[in-house]
């Protein structure tokens, strides 16, 4: 059995599409399909049901996926112990992060690391969702909750604060609320409740019992832009909102505190490229910690 064939099968199984997997691996679609077929021939069983809109695992494919992930973990650990793969700090590290932190903090700073290590490729995925490290959706995840289970290495990155904001144009039109009860008379912006991917994001109840937003956006960046455009009052990340002179902090005595965590799979503990990127993120946050609080 060829390990490269197994690696390609994992990419297809995780993306659900040959085309998406081919892009992720940087190989030709036809080559990928041929290699997976070769794996199926070696195993004398069908692992994937190919359909026009993607593919899905067969029962045998589900069983083999678990075995393949164990093989992947062992391979990563072996590579780290031998020390050959990361000796020149080369390869790809994918970071999954909340959209606000990913866009406003990581994106402007990670270029320093790629300039320092030309053979290192960093993929930043700043989207409002959770990432599966066991399925290798990301090598490092920035989360707002510490995981309570799984073979994961976690470290507290920083606390951060959120507050109530509105645009100057909105306040000229609607007036400045002077107490929490007055918020009921204003347009409010919030998250799409059934798309909240972490309980920690359900913080509107910490300000008022029924936030009942008239405009819901499942993105911290989207909420910030809506508030800037005068759509209403929102609960924004202070380190993002303070960058915009057109935003005004409302009821500054009211605030919410959360924390960011860095997490990576235990099997990547000794991979120099993953450890270097995680250490760099922590260093950048330490140097600018004041902006988060």
C-alpha atoms as a PDB file:
ATOM      1  CA  UNK A   1       0.000   0.000   0.000  1.00  0.00           C
ATOM      2  CA  UNK A   2       1.356   3.399  -1.034  1.00  0.00           C
ATOM      3  CA  UNK A   3       1.231   6.071   1.716  1.00  0.00           C
ATOM      4  CA  UNK A   4       0.758   8.837  -0.882  1.00  0.00           C
ATOM      5  CA  UNK A   5      -2.387   7.051  -2.085  1.00  0.00           C
ATOM      6  CA  UNK A   6      -3.668   6.968   1.483  1.00  0.00           C
ATOM      7  CA  UNK A   7      -2.872  10.660   1.929  1.00  0.00           C
ATOM      8  CA  UNK A   8      -4.834  11.498  -1.211  1.00  0.00           C
ATOM      9  CA  UNK A   9      -7.775   9.388  -0.076  1.00  0.00           C
ATOM     10  CA  UNK A  10      -7.815  11.361   3.196  1.00  0.00           C
ATOM     11  CA  UNK A  11      -8.013  14.648   1.317  1.00  0.00           C
ATOM     12  CA  UNK A  12     -10.954  13.422  -0.773  1.00  0.00           C
ATOM     13  CA  UNK A  13     -12.744  11.964   2.250  1.00  0.00           C
ATOM     14  CA  UNK A  14     -12.391  15.253   4.156  1.00  0.00           C
ATOM     15  CA  UNK A  15     -13.464  17.580   1.359  1.00  0.00           C
ATOM     16  CA  UNK A  16     -16.114  15.335  -0.181  1.00  0.00           C
ATOM     17  CA  UNK A  17     -14.933  16.327  -3.658  1.00  0.00           C
ATOM     18  CA  UNK A  18     -12.093  15.226  -5.916  1.00  0.00           C
ATOM     19  CA  UNK A  19     -11.704  18.703  -7.386  1.00  0.00           C
ATOM     20  CA  UNK A  20     -11.449  20.434  -3.991  1.00  0.00           C
ATOM     21  CA  UNK A  21      -9.033  17.764  -2.747  1.00  0.00           C
ATOM     22  CA  UNK A  22      -6.882  18.150  -5.866  1.00  0.00           C
ATOM     23  CA  UNK A  23      -6.644  21.894  -5.272  1.00  0.00           C
ATOM     24  CA  UNK A  24      -5.687  21.367  -1.631  1.00  0.00           C
ATOM     25  CA  UNK A  25      -2.983  18.864  -2.559  1.00  0.00           C
ATOM     26  CA  UNK A  26      -1.769  20.762  -5.608  1.00  0.00           C
ATOM     27  CA  UNK A  27      -2.187  17.801  -7.959  1.00  0.00           C
ATOM     28  CA  UNK A  28      -4.098  17.153 -11.145  1.00  0.00           C
ATOM     29  CA  UNK A  29      -7.710  16.005 -10.725  1.00  0.00           C
ATOM     30  CA  UNK A  30      -7.173  12.995 -13.004  1.00  0.00           C
ATOM     31  CA  UNK A  31      -4.023  11.986 -11.140  1.00  0.00           C
ATOM     32  CA  UNK A  32      -5.841  12.138  -7.828  1.00  0.00           C
ATOM     33  CA  UNK A  33      -8.700  10.001  -9.131  1.00  0.00           C
ATOM     34  CA  UNK A  34      -6.251   7.452 -10.519  1.00  0.00           C
ATOM     35  CA  UNK A  35      -4.337   7.221  -7.226  1.00  0.00           C
ATOM     36  CA  UNK A  36      -7.501   6.674  -5.188  1.00  0.00           C
ATOM     37  CA  UNK A  37      -8.606   3.995  -7.639  1.00  0.00           C
ATOM     38  CA  UNK A  38      -5.210   2.322  -7.219  1.00  0.00           C
ATOM     39  CA  UNK A  39      -5.732   2.313  -3.465  1.00  0.00           C
ATOM     40  CA  UNK A  40      -9.144   0.711  -3.888  1.00  0.00           C
ATOM     41  CA  UNK A  41      -7.573  -1.944  -6.100  1.00  0.00           C
ATOM     42  CA  UNK A  42      -4.894  -2.642  -3.496  1.00  0.00           C
ATOM     43  CA  UNK A  43      -7.575  -3.025  -0.811  1.00  0.00           C
ATOM     44  CA  UNK A  44      -9.904  -4.912  -3.153  1.00  0.00           C
ATOM     45  CA  UNK A  45     -12.860  -2.820  -2.059  1.00  0.00           C
ATOM     46  CA  UNK A  46     -14.650   0.393  -2.985  1.00  0.00           C
ATOM     47  CA  UNK A  47     -13.997   3.248  -0.582  1.00  0.00           C
ATOM     48  CA  UNK A  48     -15.875   6.076  -2.299  1.00  0.00           C
ATOM     49  CA  UNK A  49     -19.109   6.441  -4.210  1.00  0.00           C
ATOM     50  CA  UNK A  50     -18.412   8.938  -6.982  1.00  0.00           C
ATOM     51  CA  UNK A  51     -21.326  11.232  -7.863  1.00  0.00           C
ATOM     52  CA  UNK A  52     -21.707  14.213 -10.185  1.00  0.00           C
ATOM     53  CA  UNK A  53     -21.831  16.656  -7.258  1.00  0.00           C
ATOM     54  CA  UNK A  54     -19.107  15.040  -5.164  1.00  0.00           C
ATOM     55  CA  UNK A  55     -18.501  11.739  -3.462  1.00  0.00           C
ATOM     56  CA  UNK A  56     -19.302   9.943  -0.241  1.00  0.00           C
ATOM     57  CA  UNK A  57     -17.702   7.191   1.768  1.00  0.00           C
ATOM     58  CA  UNK A  58     -18.942   3.628   1.542  1.00  0.00           C
ATOM     59  CA  UNK A  59     -19.250   1.590   4.738  1.00  0.00           C
ATOM     60  CA  UNK A  60     -15.793   0.162   3.979  1.00  0.00           C
ATOM     61  CA  UNK A  61     -14.561   3.702   3.329  1.00  0.00           C
ATOM     62  CA  UNK A  62     -15.729   4.818   6.771  1.00  0.00           C
ATOM     63  CA  UNK A  63     -13.799   1.962   8.365  1.00  0.00           C
ATOM     64  CA  UNK A  64     -10.688   2.664   6.327  1.00  0.00           C
ATOM     65  CA  UNK A  65     -10.891   6.417   7.083  1.00  0.00           C
ATOM     66  CA  UNK A  66     -10.387   5.739  10.787  1.00  0.00           C
ATOM     67  CA  UNK A  67      -7.424   3.496  10.026  1.00  0.00           C
ATOM     68  CA  UNK A  68      -5.978   6.045   7.583  1.00  0.00           C
ATOM     69  CA  UNK A  69      -6.168   8.794  10.202  1.00  0.00           C
ATOM     70  CA  UNK A  70      -4.270   6.589  12.641  1.00  0.00           C
ATOM     71  CA  UNK A  71      -1.678   6.003   9.929  1.00  0.00           C
ATOM     72  CA  UNK A  72      -1.453   9.764   9.344  1.00  0.00           C
ATOM     73  CA  UNK A  73      -0.898  10.428  13.033  1.00  0.00           C
ATOM     74  CA  UNK A  74       1.837   7.803  13.209  1.00  0.00           C
ATOM     75  CA  UNK A  75       3.479   9.233  10.084  1.00  0.00           C
ATOM     76  CA  UNK A  76       3.511  12.750  11.509  1.00  0.00           C
ATOM     77  CA  UNK A  77       4.992  11.518  14.776  1.00  0.00           C
ATOM     78  CA  UNK A  78       7.622   9.483  12.933  1.00  0.00           C
ATOM     79  CA  UNK A  79       8.579  12.458  10.770  1.00  0.00           C
ATOM     80  CA  UNK A  80       8.927  14.651  13.824  1.00  0.00           C
ATOM     81  CA  UNK A  81      11.083  12.114  15.668  1.00  0.00           C
ATOM     82  CA  UNK A  82      13.354  11.519  12.696  1.00  0.00           C
ATOM     83  CA  UNK A  83      13.638  15.274  12.345  1.00  0.00           C
ATOM     84  CA  UNK A  84      14.036  15.353   8.592  1.00  0.00           C
ATOM     85  CA  UNK A  85      10.805  16.932   7.474  1.00  0.00           C
ATOM     86  CA  UNK A  86      11.110  20.156   9.434  1.00  0.00           C
ATOM     87  CA  UNK A  87      14.883  20.593   9.479  1.00  0.00           C
ATOM     88  CA  UNK A  88      14.662  23.539   7.053  1.00  0.00           C
ATOM     89  CA  UNK A  89      11.323  24.757   8.434  1.00  0.00           C
ATOM     90  CA  UNK A  90       9.501  24.044   5.203  1.00  0.00           C
ATOM     91  CA  UNK A  91       5.987  22.916   4.404  1.00  0.00           C
ATOM     92  CA  UNK A  92       2.463  24.188   4.920  1.00  0.00           C
ATOM     93  CA  UNK A  93       0.750  25.261   8.131  1.00  0.00           C
ATOM     94  CA  UNK A  94      -2.956  26.035   7.984  1.00  0.00           C
ATOM     95  CA  UNK A  95      -4.419  28.297  10.664  1.00  0.00           C
ATOM     96  CA  UNK A  96      -8.154  28.352  11.298  1.00  0.00           C
ATOM     97  CA  UNK A  97      -9.312  31.432  13.185  1.00  0.00           C
ATOM     98  CA  UNK A  98     -12.407  33.482  13.999  1.00  0.00           C
ATOM     99  CA  UNK A  99     -12.932  36.002  11.223  1.00  0.00           C
ATOM    100  CA  UNK A 100     -12.297  39.094  13.344  1.00  0.00           C
ATOM    101  CA  UNK A 101      -9.038  37.881  14.853  1.00  0.00           C
ATOM    102  CA  UNK A 102      -7.923  36.283  11.609  1.00  0.00           C
ATOM    103  CA  UNK A 103      -8.515  39.325   9.399  1.00  0.00           C
ATOM    104  CA  UNK A 104      -7.725  42.211  11.735  1.00  0.00           C
ATOM    105  CA  UNK A 105      -4.832  40.720  13.703  1.00  0.00           C
ATOM    106  CA  UNK A 106      -3.256  37.710  12.008  1.00  0.00           C
ATOM    107  CA  UNK A 107      -3.464  38.699   8.338  1.00  0.00           C
ATOM    108  CA  UNK A 108      -1.370  41.896   8.689  1.00  0.00           C
ATOM    109  CA  UNK A 109       1.317  40.133  10.741  1.00  0.00           C
ATOM    110  CA  UNK A 110       1.872  36.612   9.404  1.00  0.00           C
ATOM    111  CA  UNK A 111       3.758  37.936   6.393  1.00  0.00           C
ATOM    112  CA  UNK A 112       6.692  38.584   8.726  1.00  0.00           C
ATOM    113  CA  UNK A 113       6.952  34.840   9.261  1.00  0.00           C
ATOM    114  CA  UNK A 114       6.848  33.871   5.593  1.00  0.00           C
ATOM    115  CA  UNK A 115       9.500  36.517   4.897  1.00  0.00           C
ATOM    116  CA  UNK A 116      11.670  34.977   7.600  1.00  0.00           C
ATOM    117  CA  UNK A 117      11.184  31.398   6.324  1.00  0.00           C
ATOM    118  CA  UNK A 118      10.800  31.395   2.512  1.00  0.00           C
ATOM    119  CA  UNK A 119      10.102  27.641   2.375  1.00  0.00           C
ATOM    120  CA  UNK A 120       7.253  27.932   4.851  1.00  0.00           C
ATOM    121  CA  UNK A 121       3.743  28.328   3.441  1.00  0.00           C
ATOM    122  CA  UNK A 122       1.012  29.651   5.710  1.00  0.00           C
ATOM    123  CA  UNK A 123      -2.670  29.224   4.914  1.00  0.00           C
ATOM    124  CA  UNK A 124      -4.973  31.472   6.939  1.00  0.00           C
ATOM    125  CA  UNK A 125      -8.656  30.534   7.027  1.00  0.00           C
ATOM    126  CA  UNK A 126     -10.452  33.349   8.879  1.00  0.00           C
ATOM    127  CA  UNK A 127     -14.066  32.218   8.925  1.00  0.00           C
ATOM    128  CA  UNK A 128     -16.754  32.103  11.652  1.00  0.00           C
ATOM    129  CA  UNK A 129     -16.802  28.364  12.297  1.00  0.00           C
ATOM    130  CA  UNK A 130     -15.079  25.645  14.301  1.00  0.00           C
ATOM    131  CA  UNK A 131     -12.277  23.543  12.831  1.00  0.00           C
ATOM    132  CA  UNK A 132     -11.616  19.820  13.208  1.00  0.00           C
ATOM    133  CA  UNK A 133      -7.953  19.251  14.011  1.00  0.00           C
ATOM    134  CA  UNK A 134      -8.397  15.472  14.022  1.00  0.00           C
ATOM    135  CA  UNK A 135      -9.607  15.677  10.408  1.00  0.00           C
ATOM    136  CA  UNK A 136      -6.736  18.048   9.541  1.00  0.00           C
ATOM    137  CA  UNK A 137      -9.040  20.918   8.536  1.00  0.00           C
ATOM    138  CA  UNK A 138      -6.383  23.077  10.192  1.00  0.00           C
ATOM    139  CA  UNK A 139      -2.978  22.512  11.777  1.00  0.00           C
ATOM    140  CA  UNK A 140      -3.546  25.258  14.335  1.00  0.00           C
ATOM    141  CA  UNK A 141      -6.933  26.545  15.448  1.00  0.00           C
ATOM    142  CA  UNK A 142      -7.639  29.771  17.277  1.00  0.00           C
ATOM    143  CA  UNK A 143     -10.751  29.218  19.376  1.00  0.00           C
ATOM    144  CA  UNK A 144     -12.751  31.109  21.967  1.00  0.00           C
ATOM    145  CA  UNK A 145     -13.181  28.058  24.185  1.00  0.00           C
ATOM    146  CA  UNK A 146     -10.671  25.614  25.603  1.00  0.00           C
ATOM    147  CA  UNK A 147     -11.422  22.089  24.360  1.00  0.00           C
ATOM    148  CA  UNK A 148     -12.348  19.639  27.069  1.00  0.00           C
ATOM    149  CA  UNK A 149     -11.601  16.440  25.171  1.00  0.00           C
ATOM    150  CA  UNK A 150      -9.456  15.037  22.400  1.00  0.00           C
ATOM    151  CA  UNK A 151      -5.699  14.623  21.936  1.00  0.00           C
ATOM    152  CA  UNK A 152      -5.100  18.349  21.722  1.00  0.00           C
ATOM    153  CA  UNK A 153      -2.472  20.779  22.962  1.00  0.00           C
ATOM    154  CA  UNK A 154      -4.078  24.055  24.046  1.00  0.00           C
ATOM    155  CA  UNK A 155      -2.692  27.327  25.356  1.00  0.00           C
ATOM    156  CA  UNK A 156      -4.448  30.514  26.414  1.00  0.00           C
ATOM    157  CA  UNK A 157      -3.545  33.249  23.939  1.00  0.00           C
ATOM    158  CA  UNK A 158      -5.168  36.326  25.453  1.00  0.00           C
ATOM    159  CA  UNK A 159      -8.323  37.697  26.977  1.00  0.00           C
ATOM    160  CA  UNK A 160     -10.193  40.243  24.896  1.00  0.00           C
ATOM    161  CA  UNK A 161     -13.096  42.601  25.468  1.00  0.00           C
ATOM    162  CA  UNK A 162     -16.274  43.531  23.619  1.00  0.00           C
ATOM    163  CA  UNK A 163     -18.476  46.587  24.026  1.00  0.00           C
ATOM    164  CA  UNK A 164     -21.523  48.376  22.650  1.00  0.00           C
ATOM    165  CA  UNK A 165     -20.910  50.550  19.596  1.00  0.00           C
ATOM    166  CA  UNK A 166     -22.814  52.687  17.124  1.00  0.00           C
ATOM    167  CA  UNK A 167     -21.773  54.975  14.308  1.00  0.00           C
ATOM    168  CA  UNK A 168     -21.759  58.750  14.723  1.00  0.00           C
ATOM    169  CA  UNK A 169     -24.308  59.012  11.915  1.00  0.00           C
ATOM    170  CA  UNK A 170     -26.670  56.578  13.664  1.00  0.00           C
ATOM    171  CA  UNK A 171     -26.410  58.446  16.971  1.00  0.00           C
ATOM    172  CA  UNK A 172     -27.156  61.784  15.279  1.00  0.00           C
ATOM    173  CA  UNK A 173     -30.358  60.234  13.955  1.00  0.00           C
ATOM    174  CA  UNK A 174     -31.448  58.062  16.894  1.00  0.00           C
ATOM    175  CA  UNK A 175     -29.795  59.674  19.913  1.00  0.00           C
ATOM    176  CA  UNK A 176     -27.397  58.276  22.515  1.00  0.00           C
ATOM    177  CA  UNK A 177     -28.893  55.653  24.888  1.00  0.00           C
ATOM    178  CA  UNK A 178     -28.022  56.498  28.492  1.00  0.00           C
ATOM    179  CA  UNK A 179     -28.983  53.163  30.077  1.00  0.00           C
ATOM    180  CA  UNK A 180     -29.426  49.535  29.087  1.00  0.00           C
ATOM    181  CA  UNK A 181     -33.226  49.772  29.054  1.00  0.00           C
ATOM    182  CA  UNK A 182     -32.977  52.472  26.400  1.00  0.00           C
ATOM    183  CA  UNK A 183     -31.437  49.965  23.981  1.00  0.00           C
ATOM    184  CA  UNK A 184     -34.927  48.560  23.429  1.00  0.00           C
ATOM    185  CA  UNK A 185     -35.786  51.728  21.533  1.00  0.00           C
ATOM    186  CA  UNK A 186     -32.869  51.300  19.127  1.00  0.00           C
ATOM    187  CA  UNK A 187     -32.106  49.105  16.147  1.00  0.00           C
ATOM    188  CA  UNK A 188     -29.841  46.250  17.240  1.00  0.00           C
ATOM    189  CA  UNK A 189     -27.413  44.043  15.349  1.00  0.00           C
ATOM    190  CA  UNK A 190     -26.478  40.510  16.419  1.00  0.00           C
ATOM    191  CA  UNK A 191     -25.467  36.997  15.391  1.00  0.00           C
ATOM    192  CA  UNK A 192     -27.681  34.543  13.498  1.00  0.00           C
ATOM    193  CA  UNK A 193     -28.606  32.469  16.520  1.00  0.00           C
ATOM    194  CA  UNK A 194     -28.853  29.028  14.899  1.00  0.00           C
ATOM    195  CA  UNK A 195     -25.447  29.538  13.234  1.00  0.00           C
ATOM    196  CA  UNK A 196     -23.575  30.379  16.438  1.00  0.00           C
ATOM    197  CA  UNK A 197     -20.768  27.816  16.429  1.00  0.00           C
ATOM    198  CA  UNK A 198     -19.688  28.322  20.065  1.00  0.00           C
ATOM    199  CA  UNK A 199     -21.769  28.966  23.199  1.00  0.00           C
ATOM    200  CA  UNK A 200     -19.279  31.723  24.107  1.00  0.00           C
ATOM    201  CA  UNK A 201     -20.606  33.796  21.205  1.00  0.00           C
ATOM    202  CA  UNK A 202     -24.100  33.857  22.666  1.00  0.00           C
ATOM    203  CA  UNK A 203     -23.309  36.876  24.835  1.00  0.00           C
ATOM    204  CA  UNK A 204     -26.174  39.266  24.115  1.00  0.00           C
ATOM    205  CA  UNK A 205     -28.007  37.959  27.183  1.00  0.00           C
ATOM    206  CA  UNK A 206     -25.191  39.321  29.339  1.00  0.00           C
ATOM    207  CA  UNK A 207     -26.268  42.829  28.343  1.00  0.00           C
ATOM    208  CA  UNK A 208     -30.039  42.532  28.096  1.00  0.00           C
ATOM    209  CA  UNK A 209     -32.430  39.610  28.417  1.00  0.00           C
ATOM    210  CA  UNK A 210     -33.951  39.859  24.944  1.00  0.00           C
ATOM    211  CA  UNK A 211     -31.539  41.391  22.438  1.00  0.00           C
ATOM    212  CA  UNK A 212     -33.894  40.513  19.546  1.00  0.00           C
ATOM    213  CA  UNK A 213     -31.743  41.921  16.761  1.00  0.00           C
ATOM    214  CA  UNK A 214     -33.490  43.160  13.653  1.00  0.00           C
ATOM    215  CA  UNK A 215     -30.328  42.574  11.634  1.00  0.00           C
ATOM    216  CA  UNK A 216     -28.411  39.338  12.226  1.00  0.00           C
ATOM    217  CA  UNK A 217     -25.012  38.622  10.688  1.00  0.00           C
ATOM    218  CA  UNK A 218     -22.973  35.449  11.267  1.00  0.00           C
ATOM    219  CA  UNK A 219     -19.650  37.276  11.083  1.00  0.00           C
ATOM    220  CA  UNK A 220     -17.825  39.658  13.409  1.00  0.00           C
ATOM    221  CA  UNK A 221     -16.516  41.592  10.407  1.00  0.00           C
ATOM    222  CA  UNK A 222     -19.998  41.823   8.920  1.00  0.00           C
ATOM    223  CA  UNK A 223     -21.418  43.154  12.177  1.00  0.00           C
ATOM    224  CA  UNK A 224     -18.665  45.762  12.396  1.00  0.00           C
ATOM    225  CA  UNK A 225     -19.361  46.980   8.867  1.00  0.00           C
ATOM    226  CA  UNK A 226     -23.113  47.090   9.493  1.00  0.00           C
ATOM    227  CA  UNK A 227     -22.623  49.191  12.623  1.00  0.00           C
ATOM    228  CA  UNK A 228     -20.251  51.510  10.750  1.00  0.00           C
ATOM    229  CA  UNK A 229     -22.883  51.946   8.043  1.00  0.00           C
ATOM    230  CA  UNK A 230     -25.425  53.126  10.623  1.00  0.00           C
ATOM    231  CA  UNK A 231     -27.607  50.026  10.669  1.00  0.00           C
ATOM    232  CA  UNK A 232     -27.873  50.017  14.464  1.00  0.00           C
ATOM    233  CA  UNK A 233     -26.095  49.246  17.723  1.00  0.00           C
ATOM    234  CA  UNK A 234     -23.869  46.181  17.954  1.00  0.00           C
ATOM    235  CA  UNK A 235     -21.614  44.347  20.382  1.00  0.00           C
ATOM    236  CA  UNK A 236     -18.194  44.614  18.776  1.00  0.00           C
ATOM    237  CA  UNK A 237     -14.651  43.528  19.533  1.00  0.00           C
ATOM    238  CA  UNK A 238     -13.002  46.574  21.066  1.00  0.00           C
ATOM    239  CA  UNK A 239      -9.654  45.905  19.375  1.00  0.00           C
ATOM    240  CA  UNK A 240     -11.450  46.055  16.017  1.00  0.00           C
ATOM    241  CA  UNK A 241     -13.877  48.900  16.722  1.00  0.00           C
ATOM    242  CA  UNK A 242     -11.227  51.265  18.093  1.00  0.00           C
ATOM    243  CA  UNK A 243      -9.610  51.325  14.642  1.00  0.00           C
ATOM    244  CA  UNK A 244     -12.561  53.317  13.266  1.00  0.00           C
ATOM    245  CA  UNK A 245     -13.019  56.961  14.324  1.00  0.00           C
ATOM    246  CA  UNK A 246     -16.608  56.844  13.060  1.00  0.00           C
ATOM    247  CA  UNK A 247     -17.576  54.348  15.790  1.00  0.00           C
ATOM    248  CA  UNK A 248     -18.592  55.497  19.272  1.00  0.00           C
ATOM    249  CA  UNK A 249     -18.515  53.375  22.425  1.00  0.00           C
ATOM    250  CA  UNK A 250     -21.922  53.335  24.122  1.00  0.00           C
ATOM    251  CA  UNK A 251     -22.401  52.724  27.851  1.00  0.00           C
ATOM    252  CA  UNK A 252     -18.653  52.171  28.364  1.00  0.00           C
ATOM    253  CA  UNK A 253     -19.167  50.686  31.825  1.00  0.00           C
ATOM    254  CA  UNK A 254     -20.786  47.674  30.152  1.00  0.00           C
ATOM    255  CA  UNK A 255     -18.396  45.154  28.655  1.00  0.00           C
ATOM    256  CA  UNK A 256     -17.942  41.474  27.945  1.00  0.00           C
ATOM    257  CA  UNK A 257     -14.725  39.508  28.300  1.00  0.00           C
ATOM    258  CA  UNK A 258     -13.731  36.369  26.430  1.00  0.00           C
ATOM    259  CA  UNK A 259     -10.469  34.572  25.632  1.00  0.00           C
ATOM    260  CA  UNK A 260      -8.652  33.243  22.591  1.00  0.00           C
ATOM    261  CA  UNK A 261      -6.870  29.881  22.713  1.00  0.00           C
ATOM    262  CA  UNK A 262      -4.370  28.265  20.361  1.00  0.00           C
ATOM    263  CA  UNK A 263      -4.926  24.564  19.772  1.00  0.00           C
ATOM    264  CA  UNK A 264      -3.156  21.935  17.717  1.00  0.00           C
ATOM    265  CA  UNK A 265      -3.246  18.160  17.586  1.00  0.00           C
ATOM    266  CA  UNK A 266      -0.986  16.254  19.933  1.00  0.00           C
ATOM    267  CA  UNK A 267       0.591  14.472  16.962  1.00  0.00           C
ATOM    268  CA  UNK A 268       1.921  17.847  15.729  1.00  0.00           C
ATOM    269  CA  UNK A 269       3.578  18.728  19.035  1.00  0.00           C
ATOM    270  CA  UNK A 270       7.085  18.024  17.737  1.00  0.00           C
ATOM    271  CA  UNK A 271       6.610  19.422  14.232  1.00  0.00           C
ATOM    272  CA  UNK A 272       8.893  22.452  14.074  1.00  0.00           C
ATOM    273  CA  UNK A 273       6.797  24.293  11.495  1.00  0.00           C
ATOM    274  CA  UNK A 274       3.620  24.033  13.588  1.00  0.00           C
ATOM    275  CA  UNK A 275       5.392  24.898  16.811  1.00  0.00           C
ATOM    276  CA  UNK A 276       7.143  27.878  15.177  1.00  0.00           C
ATOM    277  CA  UNK A 277       3.909  29.334  13.828  1.00  0.00           C
ATOM    278  CA  UNK A 278       2.102  28.844  17.154  1.00  0.00           C
ATOM    279  CA  UNK A 279       4.996  30.480  19.031  1.00  0.00           C
ATOM    280  CA  UNK A 280       5.002  33.406  16.583  1.00  0.00           C
ATOM    281  CA  UNK A 281       1.270  34.028  17.116  1.00  0.00           C
ATOM    282  CA  UNK A 282       1.784  34.028  20.887  1.00  0.00           C
ATOM    283  CA  UNK A 283       4.731  36.401  20.561  1.00  0.00           C
ATOM    284  CA  UNK A 284       2.741  38.869  18.437  1.00  0.00           C
ATOM    285  CA  UNK A 285      -0.130  38.828  20.906  1.00  0.00           C
ATOM    286  CA  UNK A 286       2.205  39.332  23.891  1.00  0.00           C
ATOM    287  CA  UNK A 287       3.781  42.353  22.212  1.00  0.00           C
ATOM    288  CA  UNK A 288       0.397  43.965  21.523  1.00  0.00           C
ATOM    289  CA  UNK A 289      -1.696  42.590  24.360  1.00  0.00           C
ATOM    290  CA  UNK A 290      -2.917  46.060  25.341  1.00  0.00           C
ATOM    291  CA  UNK A 291      -5.065  46.336  22.211  1.00  0.00           C
ATOM    292  CA  UNK A 292      -7.217  43.381  23.282  1.00  0.00           C
ATOM    293  CA  UNK A 293      -8.094  44.752  26.690  1.00  0.00           C
END
